[in-house]
Amino acid sequence: GSLEAVKAFSLAKSISTGQSKSFFVQQKRVLEKS
């Protein structure tokens, strides 16, 4: 879906900038728990 595309784009953007890397790591852990 388009939402997944937006998430993927945001993730790629954050990784390329390196500013929100830790944020996405935390989000991944939260998603894995639930």
Protein backbone atom coordinates (compact mmCIF):
# COMPACT_ATOMS: atom_id res chain seq x y z
CA GLY A 1 0.00 0.00 0.00
CA SER A 2 0.96 3.66 -0.21
CA LEU A 3 1.43 3.78 3.56
CA GLU A 4 4.12 1.10 3.35
CA ALA A 5 5.80 3.05 0.57
CA VAL A 6 5.85 6.16 2.74
CA LYS A 7 7.29 4.19 5.65
CA ALA A 8 9.97 2.66 3.43
CA PHE A 9 10.87 6.07 2.03
CA SER A 10 11.04 7.62 5.50
CA LEU A 11 13.21 4.75 6.72
CA ALA A 12 15.59 5.03 3.78
CA LYS A 13 15.77 8.79 4.23
CA SER A 14 16.52 8.52 7.93
CA ILE A 15 19.22 5.91 7.31
CA SER A 16 20.85 8.06 4.62
CA THR A 17 20.89 11.07 6.93
CA GLY A 18 21.66 9.02 10.03
CA GLN A 19 19.67 11.39 12.24
CA SER A 20 16.73 9.15 13.16
CA LYS A 21 18.50 5.79 13.07
CA SER A 22 18.06 5.15 16.80
CA PHE A 23 14.39 6.14 16.56
CA PHE A 24 13.70 3.51 13.92
CA VAL A 25 15.61 0.90 15.91
CA GLN A 26 13.30 1.60 18.85
CA GLN A 27 10.24 1.48 16.59
CA LYS A 28 11.33 -1.89 15.22
CA ARG A 29 11.69 -3.29 18.75
CA VAL A 30 8.21 -2.03 19.68
CA LEU A 31 6.71 -3.57 16.55
CA GLU A 32 8.41 -6.89 17.26
CA LYS A 33 6.99 -6.95 20.81
CA SER A 34 3.41 -6.33 19.67
